[in-house]
Amino acid sequence: MDDRVMDDRTDPAEGPPYADCVRCGEPTEYPASRPGATLCPLCEWQEGQRTACSG
């Protein structure tokens, strides 16, 4: 018997209000009170790829 619980929620985790990504508008992992430009994980990764090869 399989006792694992299937959890297919797509909602962000419970917690403080999360800031929206300044590029795509998706929720980020950062609270809304964080200063500066916040990026979602995908946009952060893309930004890292762009800056890594700009030398």
Protein backbone atom coordinates (compact mmCIF):
# COMPACT_ATOMS: atom_id res chain seq x y z
CA MET A 1 0.00 0.00 0.00
CA ASP A 2 1.30 3.45 -0.92
CA ASP A 3 0.89 5.93 1.97
CA ARG A 4 2.39 8.92 0.16
CA VAL A 5 0.21 11.98 -0.16
CA MET A 6 -0.18 13.44 -3.62
CA ASP A 7 0.31 17.19 -3.49
CA ASP A 8 -0.22 18.86 -6.85
CA ARG A 9 -0.89 22.39 -5.60
CA THR A 10 0.47 25.16 -7.78
CA ASP A 11 -0.14 27.93 -5.23
CA PRO A 12 2.91 29.54 -3.66
CA ALA A 13 3.77 28.54 -0.12
CA GLU A 14 1.90 30.14 2.75
CA GLY A 15 3.68 33.10 4.25
CA PRO A 16 4.16 36.80 3.81
CA PRO A 17 2.92 38.55 0.69
CA TYR A 18 5.48 37.76 -1.98
CA ALA A 19 6.91 40.36 -4.34
CA ASP A 20 6.15 40.07 -8.05
CA CYS A 21 8.99 39.62 -10.54
CA VAL A 22 9.85 42.93 -12.20
CA ARG A 23 10.25 41.21 -15.59
CA CYS A 24 7.46 38.66 -15.94
CA GLY A 25 5.13 39.44 -13.01
CA GLU A 26 5.26 35.94 -11.50
CA PRO A 27 5.53 35.64 -7.70
CA THR A 28 9.09 35.48 -6.37
CA GLU A 29 10.59 33.75 -3.34
CA TYR A 30 11.10 37.12 -1.64
CA PRO A 31 8.76 39.08 0.62
CA ALA A 32 7.12 42.19 -0.79
CA SER A 33 9.03 44.28 1.77
CA ARG A 34 12.42 43.40 0.22
CA PRO A 35 14.07 46.47 -1.31
CA GLY A 36 15.36 46.52 -4.86
CA ALA A 37 14.36 44.70 -8.03
CA THR A 38 13.09 41.18 -7.34
CA LEU A 39 13.21 38.41 -9.93
CA CYS A 40 11.50 35.02 -10.01
CA PRO A 41 13.76 31.93 -10.09
CA LEU A 42 13.50 31.62 -13.89
CA CYS A 43 14.35 35.27 -14.56
CA GLU A 44 17.21 35.08 -12.02
CA TRP A 45 18.63 32.09 -13.90
CA GLN A 46 18.26 33.83 -17.26
CA GLU A 47 19.97 36.95 -15.90
CA GLY A 48 22.84 34.79 -14.65
CA GLN A 49 23.20 33.22 -18.11
CA ARG A 50 23.28 36.63 -19.79
CA THR A 51 25.85 38.13 -17.44
CA ALA A 52 28.09 35.04 -17.39
CA CYS A 53 28.84 35.33 -21.11
CA SER A 54 29.12 39.09 -21.36
CA GLY A 55 32.86 39.27 -20.72
